[in-house]
C-alpha atoms as a PDB file:
ATOM      1  CA  UNK A   1      -1.236 -26.099  22.221  1.00  0.00           C
ATOM      2  CA  UNK A   2       0.142 -22.944  23.858  1.00  0.00           C
ATOM      3  CA  UNK A   3       3.483 -21.417  22.859  1.00  0.00           C
ATOM      4  CA  UNK A   4       5.151 -18.207  24.008  1.00  0.00           C
ATOM      5  CA  UNK A   5       7.254 -16.043  21.701  1.00  0.00           C
ATOM      6  CA  UNK A   6       9.829 -14.197  23.806  1.00  0.00           C
ATOM      7  CA  UNK A   7      12.019 -11.208  22.983  1.00  0.00           C
ATOM      8  CA  UNK A   8      14.473  -9.366  25.205  1.00  0.00           C
ATOM      9  CA  UNK A   9      16.689  -6.312  25.114  1.00  0.00           C
ATOM     10  CA  UNK A  10      19.851  -6.082  27.198  1.00  0.00           C
ATOM     11  CA  UNK A  11      22.473  -3.657  28.465  1.00  0.00           C
ATOM     12  CA  UNK A  12      25.051  -5.411  26.278  1.00  0.00           C
ATOM     13  CA  UNK A  13      26.056  -8.810  24.984  1.00  0.00           C
ATOM     14  CA  UNK A  14      28.267 -10.333  27.681  1.00  0.00           C
ATOM     15  CA  UNK A  15      26.582 -11.694  30.830  1.00  0.00           C
ATOM     16  CA  UNK A  16      30.059 -12.446  32.221  1.00  0.00           C
ATOM     17  CA  UNK A  17      30.618  -8.682  32.145  1.00  0.00           C
ATOM     18  CA  UNK A  18      27.449  -8.132  34.194  1.00  0.00           C
ATOM     19  CA  UNK A  19      25.100  -7.272  31.346  1.00  0.00           C
ATOM     20  CA  UNK A  20      21.424  -7.628  32.189  1.00  0.00           C
ATOM     21  CA  UNK A  21      17.988  -7.843  30.609  1.00  0.00           C
ATOM     22  CA  UNK A  22      16.238  -4.459  30.419  1.00  0.00           C
ATOM     23  CA  UNK A  23      13.095  -5.368  28.478  1.00  0.00           C
ATOM     24  CA  UNK A  24      11.007  -8.530  28.211  1.00  0.00           C
ATOM     25  CA  UNK A  25       8.221  -8.902  25.697  1.00  0.00           C
ATOM     26  CA  UNK A  26       6.085 -12.006  25.133  1.00  0.00           C
ATOM     27  CA  UNK A  27       3.110 -12.950  23.032  1.00  0.00           C
ATOM     28  CA  UNK A  28       0.935 -16.004  23.455  1.00  0.00           C
ATOM     29  CA  UNK A  29       0.112 -18.316  20.556  1.00  0.00           C
ATOM     30  CA  UNK A  30      -2.596 -20.953  20.970  1.00  0.00           C
ATOM     31  CA  UNK A  31      -3.188 -23.453  18.179  1.00  0.00           C
ATOM     32  CA  UNK A  32      -1.058 -21.337  15.823  1.00  0.00           C
ATOM     33  CA  UNK A  33      -3.087 -18.169  16.463  1.00  0.00           C
ATOM     34  CA  UNK A  34      -1.759 -15.080  18.230  1.00  0.00           C
ATOM     35  CA  UNK A  35      -3.952 -14.107  21.180  1.00  0.00           C
ATOM     36  CA  UNK A  36      -4.345 -10.770  22.955  1.00  0.00           C
ATOM     37  CA  UNK A  37      -2.588 -12.208  26.027  1.00  0.00           C
ATOM     38  CA  UNK A  38       0.797 -10.464  26.158  1.00  0.00           C
ATOM     39  CA  UNK A  39       3.493  -9.753  28.728  1.00  0.00           C
ATOM     40  CA  UNK A  40       5.740  -6.679  28.597  1.00  0.00           C
ATOM     41  CA  UNK A  41       8.062  -5.139  31.180  1.00  0.00           C
ATOM     42  CA  UNK A  42      10.900  -2.646  31.197  1.00  0.00           C
ATOM     43  CA  UNK A  43      13.510  -3.370  33.872  1.00  0.00           C
ATOM     44  CA  UNK A  44      15.989  -1.289  35.816  1.00  0.00           C
ATOM     45  CA  UNK A  45      19.380  -2.950  35.311  1.00  0.00           C
ATOM     46  CA  UNK A  46      21.096  -0.987  38.106  1.00  0.00           C
ATOM     47  CA  UNK A  47      24.042  -0.449  35.741  1.00  0.00           C
ATOM     48  CA  UNK A  48      24.944   1.595  32.693  1.00  0.00           C
ATOM     49  CA  UNK A  49      23.773   0.505  29.253  1.00  0.00           C
ATOM     50  CA  UNK A  50      26.496   0.132  26.619  1.00  0.00           C
ATOM     51  CA  UNK A  51      26.342   2.915  24.035  1.00  0.00           C
ATOM     52  CA  UNK A  52      26.253   0.421  21.170  1.00  0.00           C
ATOM     53  CA  UNK A  53      23.359  -1.503  22.758  1.00  0.00           C
ATOM     54  CA  UNK A  54      21.453   1.737  23.296  1.00  0.00           C
ATOM     55  CA  UNK A  55      21.891   2.563  19.605  1.00  0.00           C
ATOM     56  CA  UNK A  56      20.122  -0.719  18.767  1.00  0.00           C
ATOM     57  CA  UNK A  57      17.123  -0.514  21.109  1.00  0.00           C
ATOM     58  CA  UNK A  58      16.994   3.186  21.994  1.00  0.00           C
ATOM     59  CA  UNK A  59      16.779   2.613  25.758  1.00  0.00           C
ATOM     60  CA  UNK A  60      18.936   4.560  28.188  1.00  0.00           C
ATOM     61  CA  UNK A  61      19.763   4.213  31.859  1.00  0.00           C
ATOM     62  CA  UNK A  62      17.678   7.301  32.645  1.00  0.00           C
ATOM     63  CA  UNK A  63      14.658   5.790  30.796  1.00  0.00           C
ATOM     64  CA  UNK A  64      14.750   2.811  33.142  1.00  0.00           C
ATOM     65  CA  UNK A  65      15.678   4.319  36.501  1.00  0.00           C
ATOM     66  CA  UNK A  66      12.078   4.173  37.803  1.00  0.00           C
ATOM     67  CA  UNK A  67      11.361   0.647  36.509  1.00  0.00           C
ATOM     68  CA  UNK A  68      11.319  -2.508  38.655  1.00  0.00           C
ATOM     69  CA  UNK A  69      14.319  -4.823  38.923  1.00  0.00           C
ATOM     70  CA  UNK A  70      13.995  -8.353  37.539  1.00  0.00           C
ATOM     71  CA  UNK A  71      13.517  -9.900  40.978  1.00  0.00           C
ATOM     72  CA  UNK A  72      10.361  -7.765  41.396  1.00  0.00           C
ATOM     73  CA  UNK A  73       8.664  -9.194  38.280  1.00  0.00           C
ATOM     74  CA  UNK A  74      10.148 -12.697  38.357  1.00  0.00           C
ATOM     75  CA  UNK A  75       7.067 -14.431  39.835  1.00  0.00           C
ATOM     76  CA  UNK A  76       4.698 -12.636  37.439  1.00  0.00           C
ATOM     77  CA  UNK A  77       6.902 -13.585  34.471  1.00  0.00           C
ATOM     78  CA  UNK A  78       7.086 -17.250  35.502  1.00  0.00           C
ATOM     79  CA  UNK A  79       3.318 -17.353  36.024  1.00  0.00           C
ATOM     80  CA  UNK A  80       2.802 -15.923  32.524  1.00  0.00           C
ATOM     81  CA  UNK A  81       5.070 -18.382  30.713  1.00  0.00           C
ATOM     82  CA  UNK A  82       3.974 -21.272  32.958  1.00  0.00           C
ATOM     83  CA  UNK A  83       5.143 -24.555  31.431  1.00  0.00           C
ATOM     84  CA  UNK A  84       4.635 -23.417  27.828  1.00  0.00           C
ATOM     85  CA  UNK A  85       7.350 -23.927  25.236  1.00  0.00           C
ATOM     86  CA  UNK A  86       9.265 -20.748  24.424  1.00  0.00           C
END
């Protein structure tokens, strides 16, 4: 059975305040064994990152200015996770 372990970093904690995902990392586990099949992307949030969030993950707006926006990697991300449990 295939499972995906997913981790994200964000610009802050409140999506109602417009906070966005800035990093997605996934690893694949098949039959309880981690494989070499991974997915990792940094994303340009097109907004400032809260200072407190940046202290946690170390990412800044300038670090991400040349990265794709989520819409640009959406299809690739969905293809990676497929119908696997997260």
